[in-house]
PDB file of N, CA and C in Angstrom:
ATOM      1  N   MET A   1       0.851  -1.174   0.000  1.00  0.00           N
ATOM      2  CA  MET A   1       0.000   0.000   0.000  1.00  0.00           C
ATOM      3  C   MET A   1       0.894   1.233   0.000  1.00  0.00           C
ATOM      4  N   ASN A   2       0.536   2.251  -0.766  1.00  0.00           N
ATOM      5  CA  ASN A   2       1.359   3.453  -0.795  1.00  0.00           C
ATOM      6  C   ASN A   2       0.894   4.448   0.258  1.00  0.00           C
ATOM      7  N   ASN A   3       1.652   5.525   0.442  1.00  0.00           N
ATOM      8  CA  ASN A   3       1.333   6.498   1.490  1.00  0.00           C
ATOM      9  C   ASN A   3      -0.046   7.114   1.334  1.00  0.00           C
ATOM     10  N   VAL A   4      -0.468   7.358   0.112  1.00  0.00           N
ATOM     11  CA  VAL A   4      -1.794   7.951  -0.106  1.00  0.00           C
ATOM     12  C   VAL A   4      -2.859   7.029   0.466  1.00  0.00           C
ATOM     13  N   ASN A   5      -2.737   5.735   0.249  1.00  0.00           N
ATOM     14  CA  ASN A   5      -3.721   4.800   0.782  1.00  0.00           C
ATOM     15  C   ASN A   5      -3.661   4.720   2.300  1.00  0.00           C
ATOM     16  N   TYR A   6      -2.460   4.759   2.883  1.00  0.00           N
ATOM     17  CA  TYR A   6      -2.353   4.763   4.336  1.00  0.00           C
ATOM     18  C   TYR A   6      -2.997   6.019   4.900  1.00  0.00           C
ATOM     19  N   ASN A   7      -2.745   7.135   4.250  1.00  0.00           N
ATOM     20  CA  ASN A   7      -3.343   8.380   4.715  1.00  0.00           C
ATOM     21  C   ASN A   7      -4.871   8.317   4.624  1.00  0.00           C
ATOM     22  N   ARG A   8      -5.374   7.773   3.550  1.00  0.00           N
ATOM     23  CA  ARG A   8      -6.823   7.640   3.386  1.00  0.00           C
ATOM     24  C   ARG A   8      -7.394   6.676   4.431  1.00  0.00           C
ATOM     25  N   LEU A   9      -6.688   5.581   4.654  1.00  0.00           N
ATOM     26  CA  LEU A   9      -7.112   4.613   5.656  1.00  0.00           C
ATOM     27  C   LEU A   9      -7.189   5.274   7.032  1.00  0.00           C
ATOM     28  N   LEU A  10      -6.221   6.106   7.348  1.00  0.00           N
ATOM     29  CA  LEU A  10      -6.206   6.818   8.625  1.00  0.00           C
ATOM     30  C   LEU A  10      -7.394   7.774   8.739  1.00  0.00           C
ATOM     31  N   VAL A  11      -7.656   8.521   7.682  1.00  0.00           N
ATOM     32  CA  VAL A  11      -8.794   9.454   7.685  1.00  0.00           C
ATOM     33  C   VAL A  11     -10.102   8.693   7.888  1.00  0.00           C
ATOM     34  N   LEU A  12     -10.258   7.615   7.152  1.00  0.00           N
ATOM     35  CA  LEU A  12     -11.489   6.828   7.259  1.00  0.00           C
ATOM     36  C   LEU A  12     -11.641   6.209   8.645  1.00  0.00           C
ATOM     37  N   LYS A  13     -10.551   5.685   9.205  1.00  0.00           N
ATOM     38  CA  LYS A  13     -10.612   5.079  10.536  1.00  0.00           C
ATOM     39  C   LYS A  13     -11.031   6.108  11.570  1.00  0.00           C
ATOM     40  N   ARG A  14     -10.482   7.295  11.483  1.00  0.00           N
ATOM     41  CA  ARG A  14     -10.854   8.350  12.433  1.00  0.00           C
ATOM     42  C   ARG A  14     -12.335   8.712  12.316  1.00  0.00           C
ATOM     43  N   LYS A  15     -12.840   8.774  11.084  1.00  0.00           N
ATOM     44  CA  LYS A  15     -14.261   9.089  10.888  1.00  0.00           C
ATOM     45  C   LYS A  15     -15.153   7.984  11.446  1.00  0.00           C
ATOM     46  N   ILE A  16     -14.755   6.736  11.222  1.00  0.00           N
ATOM     47  CA  ILE A  16     -15.537   5.609  11.735  1.00  0.00           C
ATOM     48  C   ILE A  16     -15.498   5.614  13.263  1.00  0.00           C
ATOM     49  N   ASP A  17     -14.309   5.793  13.829  1.00  0.00           N
ATOM     50  CA  ASP A  17     -14.184   5.831  15.294  1.00  0.00           C
ATOM     51  C   ASP A  17     -15.022   6.958  15.890  1.00  0.00           C
ATOM     52  N   GLY A  18     -15.097   8.080  15.197  1.00  0.00           N
ATOM     53  CA  GLY A  18     -15.863   9.228  15.666  1.00  0.00           C
ATOM     54  C   GLY A  18     -17.338   9.161  15.306  1.00  0.00           C
ATOM     55  N   LYS A  19     -17.765   8.031  14.752  1.00  0.00           N
ATOM     56  CA  LYS A  19     -19.168   7.839  14.361  1.00  0.00           C
ATOM     57  C   LYS A  19     -19.646   8.881  13.354  1.00  0.00           C
ATOM     58  N   GLN A  20     -18.729   9.334  12.480  1.00  0.00           N
ATOM     59  CA  GLN A  20     -19.065  10.344  11.482  1.00  0.00           C
ATOM     60  C   GLN A  20     -18.969   9.811  10.050  1.00  0.00           C
ATOM     61  N   ALA A  21     -18.625   8.552   9.897  1.00  0.00           N
ATOM     62  CA  ALA A  21     -18.435   7.980   8.567  1.00  0.00           C
ATOM     63  C   ALA A  21     -19.758   7.584   7.931  1.00  0.00           C
ATOM     64  N   THR A  22     -19.854   7.824   6.647  1.00  0.00           N
ATOM     65  CA  THR A  22     -21.015   7.366   5.888  1.00  0.00           C
ATOM     66  C   THR A  22     -20.859   5.878   5.597  1.00  0.00           C
ATOM     67  N   SER A  23     -21.911   5.254   5.120  1.00  0.00           N
ATOM     68  CA  SER A  23     -21.815   3.838   4.765  1.00  0.00           C
ATOM     69  C   SER A  23     -20.816   3.641   3.619  1.00  0.00           C
ATOM     70  N   GLU A  24     -20.752   4.609   2.707  1.00  0.00           N
ATOM     71  CA  GLU A  24     -19.777   4.519   1.610  1.00  0.00           C
ATOM     72  C   GLU A  24     -18.347   4.589   2.129  1.00  0.00           C
ATOM     73  N   GLU A  25     -18.101   5.404   3.128  1.00  0.00           N
ATOM     74  CA  GLU A  25     -16.752   5.517   3.702  1.00  0.00           C
ATOM     75  C   GLU A  25     -16.375   4.245   4.454  1.00  0.00           C
ATOM     76  N   LYS A  26     -17.334   3.630   5.111  1.00  0.00           N
ATOM     77  CA  LYS A  26     -17.069   2.358   5.787  1.00  0.00           C
ATOM     78  C   LYS A  26     -16.731   1.284   4.761  1.00  0.00           C
ATOM     79  N   LYS A  27     -17.479   1.257   3.657  1.00  0.00           N
ATOM     80  CA  LYS A  27     -17.186   0.293   2.588  1.00  0.00           C
ATOM     81  C   LYS A  27     -15.801   0.544   2.016  1.00  0.00           C
ATOM     82  N   GLU A  28     -15.447   1.813   1.817  1.00  0.00           N
ATOM     83  CA  GLU A  28     -14.129   2.146   1.276  1.00  0.00           C
ATOM     84  C   GLU A  28     -13.030   1.686   2.227  1.00  0.00           C
ATOM     85  N   TYR A  29     -13.222   1.882   3.517  1.00  0.00           N
ATOM     86  CA  TYR A  29     -12.245   1.469   4.524  1.00  0.00           C
ATOM     87  C   TYR A  29     -12.005  -0.039   4.427  1.00  0.00           C
ATOM     88  N   LEU A  30     -13.084  -0.803   4.408  1.00  0.00           N
ATOM     89  CA  LEU A  30     -12.929  -2.258   4.322  1.00  0.00           C
ATOM     90  C   LEU A  30     -12.371  -2.678   2.961  1.00  0.00           C
ATOM     91  N   TYR A  31     -12.711  -1.954   1.916  1.00  0.00           N
ATOM     92  CA  TYR A  31     -12.158  -2.254   0.592  1.00  0.00           C
ATOM     93  C   TYR A  31     -10.640  -2.056   0.594  1.00  0.00           C
ATOM     94  N   LEU A  32     -10.160  -0.995   1.219  1.00  0.00           N
ATOM     95  CA  LEU A  32      -8.714  -0.769   1.301  1.00  0.00           C
ATOM     96  C   LEU A  32      -8.031  -1.905   2.063  1.00  0.00           C
ATOM     97  N   LEU A  33      -8.650  -2.354   3.152  1.00  0.00           N
ATOM     98  CA  LEU A  33      -8.083  -3.488   3.889  1.00  0.00           C
ATOM     99  C   LEU A  33      -8.082  -4.750   3.038  1.00  0.00           C
ATOM    100  N   TYR A  34      -9.156  -4.966   2.301  1.00  0.00           N
ATOM    101  CA  TYR A  34      -9.246  -6.139   1.425  1.00  0.00           C
ATOM    102  C   TYR A  34      -8.175  -6.077   0.329  1.00  0.00           C
ATOM    103  N   MET A  35      -8.041  -4.937  -0.326  1.00  0.00           N
ATOM    104  CA  MET A  35      -7.066  -4.801  -1.412  1.00  0.00           C
ATOM    105  C   MET A  35      -5.637  -4.954  -0.905  1.00  0.00           C
ATOM    106  N   ASN A  36      -5.399  -4.633   0.358  1.00  0.00           N
ATOM    107  CA  ASN A  36      -4.072  -4.778   0.945  1.00  0.00           C
ATOM    108  C   ASN A  36      -3.837  -6.195   1.478  1.00  0.00           C
ATOM    109  N   GLY A  37      -4.865  -7.032   1.443  1.00  0.00           N
ATOM    110  CA  GLY A  37      -4.726  -8.405   1.901  1.00  0.00           C
ATOM    111  C   GLY A  37      -4.902  -8.576   3.402  1.00  0.00           C
ATOM    112  N   ASN A  38      -5.465  -7.575   4.068  1.00  0.00           N
ATOM    113  CA  ASN A  38      -5.644  -7.650   5.514  1.00  0.00           C
ATOM    114  C   ASN A  38      -6.939  -8.316   5.930  1.00  0.00           C
ATOM    115  N   ILE A  39      -7.933  -8.344   5.059  1.00  0.00           N
ATOM    116  CA  ILE A  39      -9.147  -9.124   5.277  1.00  0.00           C
ATOM    117  C   ILE A  39      -9.401  -9.935   4.013  1.00  0.00           C
ATOM    118  N   THR A  40     -10.174 -10.990   4.170  1.00  0.00           N
ATOM    119  CA  THR A  40     -10.432 -11.870   3.025  1.00  0.00           C
ATOM    120  C   THR A  40     -11.552 -11.324   2.152  1.00  0.00           C
ATOM    121  N   LYS A  41     -11.638 -11.867   0.955  1.00  0.00           N
ATOM    122  CA  LYS A  41     -12.733 -11.504   0.054  1.00  0.00           C
ATOM    123  C   LYS A  41     -14.065 -11.874   0.694  1.00  0.00           C
ATOM    124  N   GLY A  42     -14.105 -13.014   1.367  1.00  0.00           N
ATOM    125  CA  GLY A  42     -15.323 -13.447   2.028  1.00  0.00           C
ATOM    126  C   GLY A  42     -15.772 -12.466   3.106  1.00  0.00           C
ATOM    127  N   GLN A  43     -14.816 -11.962   3.884  1.00  0.00           N
ATOM    128  CA  GLN A  43     -15.156 -10.981   4.912  1.00  0.00           C
ATOM    129  C   GLN A  43     -15.673  -9.691   4.276  1.00  0.00           C
ATOM    130  N   TYR A  44     -14.996  -9.246   3.230  1.00  0.00           N
ATOM    131  CA  TYR A  44     -15.419  -8.027   2.545  1.00  0.00           C
ATOM    132  C   TYR A  44     -16.810  -8.213   1.933  1.00  0.00           C
ATOM    133  N   ASP A  45     -17.006  -9.324   1.239  1.00  0.00           N
ATOM    134  CA  ASP A  45     -18.305  -9.597   0.611  1.00  0.00           C
ATOM    135  C   ASP A  45     -19.417  -9.701   1.647  1.00  0.00           C
ATOM    136  N   GLU A  46     -19.128 -10.321   2.784  1.00  0.00           N
ATOM    137  CA  GLU A  46     -20.133 -10.449   3.845  1.00  0.00           C
ATOM    138  C   GLU A  46     -20.536  -9.074   4.372  1.00  0.00           C
ATOM    139  N   TYR A  47     -19.576  -8.165   4.505  1.00  0.00           N
ATOM    140  CA  TYR A  47     -19.909  -6.816   4.958  1.00  0.00           C
ATOM    141  C   TYR A  47     -20.764  -6.092   3.923  1.00  0.00           C
ATOM    142  N   ILE A  48     -20.391  -6.220   2.650  1.00  0.00           N
ATOM    143  CA  ILE A  48     -21.152  -5.555   1.588  1.00  0.00           C
ATOM    144  C   ILE A  48     -22.587  -6.080   1.555  1.00  0.00           C
ATOM    145  N   LYS A  49     -22.732  -7.385   1.756  1.00  0.00           N
ATOM    146  CA  LYS A  49     -24.056  -8.003   1.730  1.00  0.00           C
ATOM    147  C   LYS A  49     -24.905  -7.547   2.924  1.00  0.00           C
ATOM    148  N   ASN A  50     -24.264  -7.363   4.081  1.00  0.00           N
ATOM    149  CA  ASN A  50     -24.990  -7.011   5.299  1.00  0.00           C
ATOM    150  C   ASN A  50     -24.217  -5.911   6.032  1.00  0.00           C
ATOM    151  N   GLN A  51     -24.411  -4.660   5.605  1.00  0.00           N
ATOM    152  CA  GLN A  51     -23.631  -3.554   6.136  1.00  0.00           C
ATOM    153  C   GLN A  51     -23.950  -3.233   7.590  1.00  0.00           C
ATOM    154  N   LYS A  52     -24.955  -3.853   8.131  1.00  0.00           N
ATOM    155  CA  LYS A  52     -25.255  -3.650   9.540  1.00  0.00           C
ATOM    156  C   LYS A  52     -24.433  -4.601  10.412  1.00  0.00           C
ATOM    157  N   ASN A  53     -23.591  -5.411   9.779  1.00  0.00           N
ATOM    158  CA  ASN A  53     -22.752  -6.363  10.493  1.00  0.00           C
ATOM    159  C   ASN A  53     -21.580  -5.628  11.130  1.00  0.00           C
ATOM    160  N   GLU A  54     -21.760  -5.198  12.346  1.00  0.00           N
ATOM    161  CA  GLU A  54     -20.738  -4.427  13.053  1.00  0.00           C
ATOM    162  C   GLU A  54     -19.530  -5.281  13.430  1.00  0.00           C
ATOM    163  N   ASP A  55     -19.700  -6.614  13.520  1.00  0.00           N
ATOM    164  CA  ASP A  55     -18.580  -7.479  13.887  1.00  0.00           C
ATOM    165  C   ASP A  55     -17.455  -7.381  12.859  1.00  0.00           C
ATOM    166  N   ILE A  56     -17.809  -7.409  11.585  1.00  0.00           N
ATOM    167  CA  ILE A  56     -16.794  -7.321  10.534  1.00  0.00           C
ATOM    168  C   ILE A  56     -16.148  -5.943  10.546  1.00  0.00           C
ATOM    169  N   LEU A  57     -16.943  -4.911  10.708  1.00  0.00           N
ATOM    170  CA  LEU A  57     -16.392  -3.555  10.750  1.00  0.00           C
ATOM    171  C   LEU A  57     -15.473  -3.390  11.960  1.00  0.00           C
ATOM    172  N   ASN A  58     -15.885  -3.892  13.114  1.00  0.00           N
ATOM    173  CA  ASN A  58     -15.048  -3.789  14.310  1.00  0.00           C
ATOM    174  C   ASN A  58     -13.741  -4.558  14.157  1.00  0.00           C
ATOM    175  N   ALA A  59     -13.799  -5.729  13.546  1.00  0.00           N
ATOM    176  CA  ALA A  59     -12.574  -6.483  13.285  1.00  0.00           C
ATOM    177  C   ALA A  59     -11.679  -5.699  12.332  1.00  0.00           C
ATOM    178  N   GLY A  60     -12.282  -5.090  11.322  1.00  0.00           N
ATOM    179  CA  GLY A  60     -11.521  -4.271  10.381  1.00  0.00           C
ATOM    180  C   GLY A  60     -10.867  -3.077  11.063  1.00  0.00           C
ATOM    181  N   LEU A  61     -11.569  -2.491  12.025  1.00  0.00           N
ATOM    182  CA  LEU A  61     -11.000  -1.359  12.758  1.00  0.00           C
ATOM    183  C   LEU A  61      -9.778  -1.797  13.572  1.00  0.00           C
ATOM    184  N   THR A  62      -9.862  -2.964  14.161  1.00  0.00           N
ATOM    185  CA  THR A  62      -8.720  -3.483  14.917  1.00  0.00           C
ATOM    186  C   THR A  62      -7.551  -3.773  13.994  1.00  0.00           C
ATOM    187  N   ILE A  63      -7.816  -4.452  12.894  1.00  0.00           N
ATOM    188  CA  ILE A  63      -6.772  -4.775  11.920  1.00  0.00           C
ATOM    189  C   ILE A  63      -6.157  -3.495  11.366  1.00  0.00           C
ATOM    190  N   GLY A  64      -7.009  -2.551  10.998  1.00  0.00           N
ATOM    191  CA  GLY A  64      -6.519  -1.283  10.460  1.00  0.00           C
ATOM    192  C   GLY A  64      -5.708  -0.503  11.474  1.00  0.00           C
ATOM    193  N   GLY A  65      -6.103  -0.566  12.738  1.00  0.00           N
ATOM    194  CA  GLY A  65      -5.351   0.118  13.787  1.00  0.00           C
ATOM    195  C   GLY A  65      -3.938  -0.419  13.909  1.00  0.00           C
ATOM    196  N   VAL A  66      -3.811  -1.736  13.868  1.00  0.00           N
ATOM    197  CA  VAL A  66      -2.482  -2.363  13.935  1.00  0.00           C
ATOM    198  C   VAL A  66      -1.677  -2.007  12.688  1.00  0.00           C
ATOM    199  N   LEU A  67      -2.303  -2.084  11.541  1.00  0.00           N
ATOM    200  CA  LEU A  67      -1.644  -1.755  10.277  1.00  0.00           C
ATOM    201  C   LEU A  67      -1.147  -0.311  10.277  1.00  0.00           C
ATOM    202  N   LEU A  68      -1.993   0.605  10.727  1.00  0.00           N
ATOM    203  CA  LEU A  68      -1.618   2.022  10.756  1.00  0.00           C
ATOM    204  C   LEU A  68      -0.525   2.290  11.786  1.00  0.00           C
ATOM    205  N   ALA A  69      -0.582   1.636  12.933  1.00  0.00           N
ATOM    206  CA  ALA A  69       0.457   1.816  13.949  1.00  0.00           C
ATOM    207  C   ALA A  69       1.805   1.348  13.411  1.00  0.00           C
ATOM    208  N   THR A  70       1.812   0.223  12.720  1.00  0.00           N
ATOM    209  CA  THR A  70       3.040  -0.295  12.121  1.00  0.00           C
ATOM    210  C   THR A  70       3.580   0.670  11.070  1.00  0.00           C
ATOM    211  N   TRP A  71       2.689   1.175  10.234  1.00  0.00           N
ATOM    212  CA  TRP A  71       3.102   2.126   9.198  1.00  0.00           C
ATOM    213  C   TRP A  71       3.665   3.400   9.819  1.00  0.00           C
ATOM    214  N   LEU A  72       2.985   3.927  10.833  1.00  0.00           N
ATOM    215  CA  LEU A  72       3.463   5.167  11.460  1.00  0.00           C
ATOM    216  C   LEU A  72       4.808   4.962  12.130  1.00  0.00           C
ATOM    217  N   LEU A  73       5.005   3.819  12.774  1.00  0.00           N
ATOM    218  CA  LEU A  73       6.321   3.521  13.384  1.00  0.00           C
ATOM    219  C   LEU A  73       7.410   3.440  12.323  1.00  0.00           C
ATOM    220  N   SER A  74       7.107   2.801  11.206  1.00  0.00           N
ATOM    221  CA  SER A  74       8.113   2.696  10.140  1.00  0.00           C
ATOM    222  C   SER A  74       8.453   4.053   9.575  1.00  0.00           C
ATOM    223  N   GLU A  75       7.454   4.944   9.490  1.00  0.00           N
ATOM    224  CA  GLU A  75       7.700   6.303   9.008  1.00  0.00           C
ATOM    225  C   GLU A  75       8.579   7.072   9.991  1.00  0.00           C
ATOM    226  N   LEU A  76       8.343   6.886  11.271  1.00  0.00           N
ATOM    227  CA  LEU A  76       9.151   7.562  12.295  1.00  0.00           C
ATOM    228  C   LEU A  76      10.595   7.055  12.281  1.00  0.00           C
ATOM    229  N   LEU A  77      10.769   5.769  12.054  1.00  0.00           N
ATOM    230  CA  LEU A  77      12.119   5.192  12.043  1.00  0.00           C
ATOM    231  C   LEU A  77      12.912   5.618  10.807  1.00  0.00           C
ATOM    232  N   LYS A  78      12.244   6.024   9.750  1.00  0.00           N
ATOM    233  CA  LYS A  78      12.922   6.498   8.540  1.00  0.00           C
ATOM    234  C   LYS A  78      13.611   7.830   8.789  1.00  0.00           C
ATOM    235  N   LYS A  79      13.098   8.591   9.751  1.00  0.00           N
ATOM    236  CA  LYS A  79      13.601   9.957   9.975  1.00  0.00           C
ATOM    237  C   LYS A  79      14.764   9.998  10.881  1.00  0.00           C
TER     238      LYS A  79
END
């Protein structure tokens, strides 16, 4: 994933955490995780089929949090 996608993932995660994300933004967040290989196609498809499934979104938030923390640490170590 490139920096633009990490930055977008961070923006989307903050909106979701703040309960300000639209359903389209939640789908985009999970799509970014899917495209990066962090969730399976089945998990992504299940969320798309049933967007009220908070379990998948919550798991995605946890996965994304770890992914973003790792990315931010790597960026700090570059400097």
